[in-house]
Amino acid sequence: MSGKSCGDCGLCCKLLAIQALGKKDGDWCGHFRKGGGGCGVYADRPDACRVFSCMWLHSDRLDDAWKPNKAKFVLYTDPEGRRLNVVVDPADPMAWKREPYYGRIKAMSSRADEGYQLVVSIGRRRVVVFQHDDIDLGLVDPDHRIVSGFADVEGQRTPYAMVLSDPGSEEAARQM
């Protein structure tokens, strides 16, 4: 464990939607107390908050520059650990493109070779990051899935990313 604490940060309380509270992404949670006060209902917080794992808190590899309220984005993985999410504060949409972040995010995307995803979210906009390419998918409905990987195009290994609205179409996309 890194020994870090949220302290004055609560960016996840702004950027992430919490269905149990009817909280939309991008809106501050009504229970968040600014100025280092943390969550006003911490003991009774919803399960989504209880199980959320901020990558900065749990990684010794991310220094204080990566603290979400400084970096202006939150990093976390999906429950299966196959997708790294970079959720950017829409008030500073290019924060993830600044150094030292962008170079490191590109390096983290190298796991795409193993079937992992790295997706940047800025509001509803989604960008799938690969080591040598960023594929901007534009505005994506949150109920739709993003599929990404590599395809052989004219003898070249080419990254792809697409949005699927039909869950049954995922198998067809994998066979590309």
C-alpha atoms as a PDB file:
ATOM      1  CA  MET A   1       0.000   0.000   0.000  1.00  0.00           C
ATOM      2  CA  SER A   2       1.285   3.426  -0.910  1.00  0.00           C
ATOM      3  CA  GLY A   3       0.272   5.256   2.287  1.00  0.00           C
ATOM      4  CA  LYS A   4      -1.433   7.980   0.225  1.00  0.00           C
ATOM      5  CA  SER A   5      -4.779   9.489   1.145  1.00  0.00           C
ATOM      6  CA  CYS A   6      -7.372  11.508  -0.726  1.00  0.00           C
ATOM      7  CA  GLY A   7      -6.771  14.546   1.457  1.00  0.00           C
ATOM      8  CA  ASP A   8      -7.991  17.602  -0.448  1.00  0.00           C
ATOM      9  CA  CYS A   9      -8.777  15.588  -3.585  1.00  0.00           C
ATOM     10  CA  GLY A  10     -12.249  14.409  -4.470  1.00  0.00           C
ATOM     11  CA  LEU A  11     -12.173  14.598  -8.249  1.00  0.00           C
ATOM     12  CA  CYS A  12     -13.804  11.169  -8.490  1.00  0.00           C
ATOM     13  CA  CYS A  13     -16.757  12.713  -6.615  1.00  0.00           C
ATOM     14  CA  LYS A  14     -17.158  15.121  -9.531  1.00  0.00           C
ATOM     15  CA  LEU A  15     -16.247  13.093 -12.602  1.00  0.00           C
ATOM     16  CA  LEU A  16     -17.924   9.724 -12.006  1.00  0.00           C
ATOM     17  CA  ALA A  17     -21.654   8.992 -12.199  1.00  0.00           C
ATOM     18  CA  ILE A  18     -23.179   7.262  -9.170  1.00  0.00           C
ATOM     19  CA  GLN A  19     -26.536   5.701 -10.061  1.00  0.00           C
ATOM     20  CA  ALA A  20     -27.463   4.957  -6.451  1.00  0.00           C
ATOM     21  CA  LEU A  21     -27.323   8.695  -5.732  1.00  0.00           C
ATOM     22  CA  GLY A  22     -28.785   9.814  -9.050  1.00  0.00           C
ATOM     23  CA  LYS A  23     -25.494  11.666  -9.592  1.00  0.00           C
ATOM     24  CA  LYS A  24     -24.471  12.409 -13.164  1.00  0.00           C
ATOM     25  CA  ASP A  25     -20.861  12.391 -14.321  1.00  0.00           C
ATOM     26  CA  GLY A  26     -19.374  15.875 -14.294  1.00  0.00           C
ATOM     27  CA  ASP A  27     -21.520  17.111 -11.383  1.00  0.00           C
ATOM     28  CA  TRP A  28     -20.115  17.377  -7.874  1.00  0.00           C
ATOM     29  CA  CYS A  29     -21.643  14.871  -5.489  1.00  0.00           C
ATOM     30  CA  GLY A  30     -23.872  16.633  -2.978  1.00  0.00           C
ATOM     31  CA  HIS A  31     -22.180  14.696  -0.172  1.00  0.00           C
ATOM     32  CA  PHE A  32     -18.646  15.867  -1.008  1.00  0.00           C
ATOM     33  CA  ARG A  33     -17.316  18.471   1.431  1.00  0.00           C
ATOM     34  CA  LYS A  34     -14.767  20.658  -0.330  1.00  0.00           C
ATOM     35  CA  GLY A  35     -11.641  21.843   1.434  1.00  0.00           C
ATOM     36  CA  GLY A  36     -10.480  18.406   2.552  1.00  0.00           C
ATOM     37  CA  GLY A  37     -13.726  17.423   4.260  1.00  0.00           C
ATOM     38  CA  GLY A  38     -14.200  14.309   2.133  1.00  0.00           C
ATOM     39  CA  CYS A  39     -17.460  12.403   1.937  1.00  0.00           C
ATOM     40  CA  GLY A  40     -20.292  13.482   4.216  1.00  0.00           C
ATOM     41  CA  VAL A  41     -21.833   9.972   4.145  1.00  0.00           C
ATOM     42  CA  TYR A  42     -18.593   7.961   4.079  1.00  0.00           C
ATOM     43  CA  ALA A  43     -19.804   5.264   6.494  1.00  0.00           C
ATOM     44  CA  ASP A  44     -22.998   4.803   4.463  1.00  0.00           C
ATOM     45  CA  ARG A  45     -21.644   5.538   0.981  1.00  0.00           C
ATOM     46  CA  PRO A  46     -23.057   3.541  -1.951  1.00  0.00           C
ATOM     47  CA  ASP A  47     -21.359   0.330  -3.083  1.00  0.00           C
ATOM     48  CA  ALA A  48     -20.075   2.028  -6.245  1.00  0.00           C
ATOM     49  CA  CYS A  49     -18.104   4.448  -4.056  1.00  0.00           C
ATOM     50  CA  ARG A  50     -17.071   1.740  -1.587  1.00  0.00           C
ATOM     51  CA  VAL A  51     -15.470  -0.468  -4.277  1.00  0.00           C
ATOM     52  CA  PHE A  52     -13.979   2.349  -6.385  1.00  0.00           C
ATOM     53  CA  SER A  53     -10.195   2.110  -6.528  1.00  0.00           C
ATOM     54  CA  CYS A  54      -8.301   5.231  -7.576  1.00  0.00           C
ATOM     55  CA  MET A  55      -5.085   4.132  -9.251  1.00  0.00           C
ATOM     56  CA  TRP A  56      -3.130   7.068  -7.794  1.00  0.00           C
ATOM     57  CA  LEU A  57      -4.016   5.998  -4.242  1.00  0.00           C
ATOM     58  CA  HIS A  58      -2.888   2.417  -4.754  1.00  0.00           C
ATOM     59  CA  SER A  59       0.153   2.752  -7.009  1.00  0.00           C
ATOM     60  CA  ASP A  60       3.647   3.470  -5.757  1.00  0.00           C
ATOM     61  CA  ARG A  61       4.583   4.236  -9.381  1.00  0.00           C
ATOM     62  CA  LEU A  62       2.455   7.394  -9.516  1.00  0.00           C
ATOM     63  CA  ASP A  63       3.922  10.348  -7.646  1.00  0.00           C
ATOM     64  CA  ASP A  64       2.125  13.431  -6.346  1.00  0.00           C
ATOM     65  CA  ALA A  65       1.976  14.990  -9.827  1.00  0.00           C
ATOM     66  CA  TRP A  66      -0.548  12.235 -10.669  1.00  0.00           C
ATOM     67  CA  LYS A  67      -2.879  13.048  -7.774  1.00  0.00           C
ATOM     68  CA  PRO A  68      -6.208  13.549  -9.568  1.00  0.00           C
ATOM     69  CA  ASN A  69      -6.856  17.111  -8.403  1.00  0.00           C
ATOM     70  CA  LYS A  70      -3.384  18.083  -9.670  1.00  0.00           C
ATOM     71  CA  ALA A  71      -3.379  16.026 -12.885  1.00  0.00           C
ATOM     72  CA  LYS A  72      -7.021  16.950 -13.609  1.00  0.00           C
ATOM     73  CA  PHE A  73      -7.999  13.349 -14.344  1.00  0.00           C
ATOM     74  CA  VAL A  74      -8.804  10.142 -12.476  1.00  0.00           C
ATOM     75  CA  LEU A  75      -7.218   6.781 -13.364  1.00  0.00           C
ATOM     76  CA  TYR A  76      -8.906   3.486 -12.572  1.00  0.00           C
ATOM     77  CA  THR A  77      -9.314   0.024 -14.065  1.00  0.00           C
ATOM     78  CA  ASP A  78     -12.527  -1.818 -14.837  1.00  0.00           C
ATOM     79  CA  PRO A  79     -13.488  -4.659 -12.450  1.00  0.00           C
ATOM     80  CA  GLU A  80     -11.781  -7.266 -14.665  1.00  0.00           C
ATOM     81  CA  GLY A  81      -8.604  -5.180 -14.904  1.00  0.00           C
ATOM     82  CA  ARG A  82      -8.685  -5.243 -18.734  1.00  0.00           C
ATOM     83  CA  ARG A  83      -9.343  -1.557 -19.295  1.00  0.00           C
ATOM     84  CA  LEU A  84      -7.549   1.461 -17.905  1.00  0.00           C
ATOM     85  CA  ASN A  85      -9.867   4.452 -17.743  1.00  0.00           C
ATOM     86  CA  VAL A  86      -8.535   7.997 -17.781  1.00  0.00           C
ATOM     87  CA  VAL A  87     -11.466  10.237 -16.873  1.00  0.00           C
ATOM     88  CA  VAL A  88     -10.537  13.837 -17.590  1.00  0.00           C
ATOM     89  CA  ASP A  89     -12.092  16.897 -15.994  1.00  0.00           C
ATOM     90  CA  PRO A  90     -13.997  18.617 -18.836  1.00  0.00           C
ATOM     91  CA  ALA A  91     -12.886  21.946 -17.323  1.00  0.00           C
ATOM     92  CA  ASP A  92      -9.349  21.031 -18.506  1.00  0.00           C
ATOM     93  CA  PRO A  93      -9.934  18.647 -21.457  1.00  0.00           C
ATOM     94  CA  MET A  94      -6.311  18.575 -22.641  1.00  0.00           C
ATOM     95  CA  ALA A  95      -4.805  17.783 -19.205  1.00  0.00           C
ATOM     96  CA  TRP A  96      -4.021  14.182 -20.212  1.00  0.00           C
ATOM     97  CA  LYS A  97      -2.011  15.401 -23.228  1.00  0.00           C
ATOM     98  CA  ARG A  98       0.458  17.385 -21.093  1.00  0.00           C
ATOM     99  CA  GLU A  99       3.710  15.954 -19.833  1.00  0.00           C
ATOM    100  CA  PRO A 100       4.590  14.071 -17.753  1.00  0.00           C
ATOM    101  CA  TYR A 101       1.212  12.446 -18.340  1.00  0.00           C
ATOM    102  CA  TYR A 102       0.910  11.872 -22.072  1.00  0.00           C
ATOM    103  CA  GLY A 103       4.196  10.012 -22.522  1.00  0.00           C
ATOM    104  CA  ARG A 104       3.411   7.751 -19.584  1.00  0.00           C
ATOM    105  CA  ILE A 105      -0.179   7.158 -20.739  1.00  0.00           C
ATOM    106  CA  LYS A 106       1.183   6.157 -24.157  1.00  0.00           C
ATOM    107  CA  ALA A 107       3.593   3.747 -22.437  1.00  0.00           C
ATOM    108  CA  MET A 108       0.723   2.283 -20.378  1.00  0.00           C
ATOM    109  CA  SER A 109      -1.186   1.675 -23.614  1.00  0.00           C
ATOM    110  CA  SER A 110       1.448  -0.849 -24.731  1.00  0.00           C
ATOM    111  CA  ARG A 111      -0.679  -3.534 -23.058  1.00  0.00           C
ATOM    112  CA  ALA A 112      -3.100  -3.205 -25.990  1.00  0.00           C
ATOM    113  CA  ASP A 113      -0.865  -5.831 -27.616  1.00  0.00           C
ATOM    114  CA  GLU A 114      -2.147  -8.230 -24.927  1.00  0.00           C
ATOM    115  CA  GLY A 115      -5.835  -7.356 -25.400  1.00  0.00           C
ATOM    116  CA  TYR A 116      -6.083  -4.533 -22.856  1.00  0.00           C
ATOM    117  CA  GLN A 117      -7.694  -1.147 -23.516  1.00  0.00           C
ATOM    118  CA  LEU A 118      -6.758   2.359 -22.479  1.00  0.00           C
ATOM    119  CA  VAL A 119      -9.695   4.729 -22.888  1.00  0.00           C
ATOM    120  CA  VAL A 120      -9.683   8.454 -22.206  1.00  0.00           C
ATOM    121  CA  SER A 121     -13.088   9.942 -21.343  1.00  0.00           C
ATOM    122  CA  ILE A 122     -13.779  13.647 -21.514  1.00  0.00           C
ATOM    123  CA  GLY A 123     -17.466  13.968 -20.755  1.00  0.00           C
ATOM    124  CA  ARG A 124     -19.082  11.667 -23.352  1.00  0.00           C
ATOM    125  CA  ARG A 125     -16.116  11.896 -25.738  1.00  0.00           C
ATOM    126  CA  ARG A 126     -13.960   8.740 -25.896  1.00  0.00           C
ATOM    127  CA  VAL A 127     -10.405   8.344 -27.180  1.00  0.00           C
ATOM    128  CA  VAL A 128      -8.795   4.904 -27.383  1.00  0.00           C
ATOM    129  CA  VAL A 129      -5.047   5.216 -26.880  1.00  0.00           C
ATOM    130  CA  PHE A 130      -2.494   2.968 -28.530  1.00  0.00           C
ATOM    131  CA  GLN A 131       1.274   3.331 -28.357  1.00  0.00           C
ATOM    132  CA  HIS A 132       1.515   4.974 -31.771  1.00  0.00           C
ATOM    133  CA  ASP A 133      -2.061   6.157 -32.380  1.00  0.00           C
ATOM    134  CA  ASP A 134      -4.975   7.793 -30.600  1.00  0.00           C
ATOM    135  CA  ILE A 135      -8.375   6.957 -32.053  1.00  0.00           C
ATOM    136  CA  ASP A 136     -10.967   9.601 -31.221  1.00  0.00           C
ATOM    137  CA  LEU A 137     -14.396   7.972 -31.268  1.00  0.00           C
ATOM    138  CA  GLY A 138     -16.211  11.252 -30.635  1.00  0.00           C
ATOM    139  CA  LEU A 139     -19.288  11.295 -28.428  1.00  0.00           C
ATOM    140  CA  VAL A 140     -20.241   7.812 -27.229  1.00  0.00           C
ATOM    141  CA  ASP A 141     -23.468   6.726 -25.567  1.00  0.00           C
ATOM    142  CA  PRO A 142     -22.490   5.257 -22.165  1.00  0.00           C
ATOM    143  CA  ASP A 143     -24.657   2.183 -22.849  1.00  0.00           C
ATOM    144  CA  HIS A 144     -22.558   1.262 -25.891  1.00  0.00           C
ATOM    145  CA  ARG A 145     -19.394  -0.821 -25.750  1.00  0.00           C
ATOM    146  CA  ILE A 146     -16.003   0.058 -27.136  1.00  0.00           C
ATOM    147  CA  VAL A 147     -14.071  -2.699 -28.851  1.00  0.00           C
ATOM    148  CA  SER A 148     -10.450  -2.230 -29.836  1.00  0.00           C
ATOM    149  CA  GLY A 149      -7.464  -4.223 -30.967  1.00  0.00           C
ATOM    150  CA  PHE A 150      -5.343  -4.803 -34.017  1.00  0.00           C
ATOM    151  CA  ALA A 151      -6.239  -5.924 -37.524  1.00  0.00           C
ATOM    152  CA  ASP A 152      -4.064  -6.945 -40.457  1.00  0.00           C
ATOM    153  CA  VAL A 153      -4.610  -4.308 -43.146  1.00  0.00           C
ATOM    154  CA  GLU A 154      -2.615  -4.846 -46.320  1.00  0.00           C
ATOM    155  CA  GLY A 155       0.073  -6.695 -44.401  1.00  0.00           C
ATOM    156  CA  GLN A 156       0.329  -4.032 -41.697  1.00  0.00           C
ATOM    157  CA  ARG A 157      -0.739  -4.475 -38.076  1.00  0.00           C
ATOM    158  CA  THR A 158      -3.180  -1.597 -37.640  1.00  0.00           C
ATOM    159  CA  PRO A 159      -4.960  -0.536 -34.448  1.00  0.00           C
ATOM    160  CA  TYR A 160      -8.733  -0.166 -34.552  1.00  0.00           C
ATOM    161  CA  ALA A 161     -11.433   1.004 -32.170  1.00  0.00           C
ATOM    162  CA  MET A 162     -15.172   1.016 -32.689  1.00  0.00           C
ATOM    163  CA  VAL A 163     -18.377   1.576 -30.801  1.00  0.00           C
ATOM    164  CA  LEU A 164     -20.878  -1.270 -30.654  1.00  0.00           C
ATOM    165  CA  SER A 165     -24.504  -0.547 -29.944  1.00  0.00           C
ATOM    166  CA  ASP A 166     -25.550  -4.198 -30.302  1.00  0.00           C
ATOM    167  CA  PRO A 167     -23.980  -6.462 -27.644  1.00  0.00           C
ATOM    168  CA  GLY A 168     -24.255  -9.410 -30.070  1.00  0.00           C
ATOM    169  CA  SER A 169     -21.991  -7.666 -32.554  1.00  0.00           C
ATOM    170  CA  GLU A 170     -18.972  -7.940 -30.251  1.00  0.00           C
ATOM    171  CA  GLU A 171     -18.122 -11.451 -31.424  1.00  0.00           C
ATOM    172  CA  ALA A 172     -18.180 -10.307 -35.047  1.00  0.00           C
ATOM    173  CA  ALA A 173     -15.805  -7.438 -34.185  1.00  0.00           C
ATOM    174  CA  ARG A 174     -13.343  -9.850 -32.541  1.00  0.00           C
ATOM    175  CA  GLN A 175     -13.132 -11.880 -35.746  1.00  0.00           C
ATOM    176  CA  MET A 176     -11.784  -8.885 -37.721  1.00  0.00           C
END
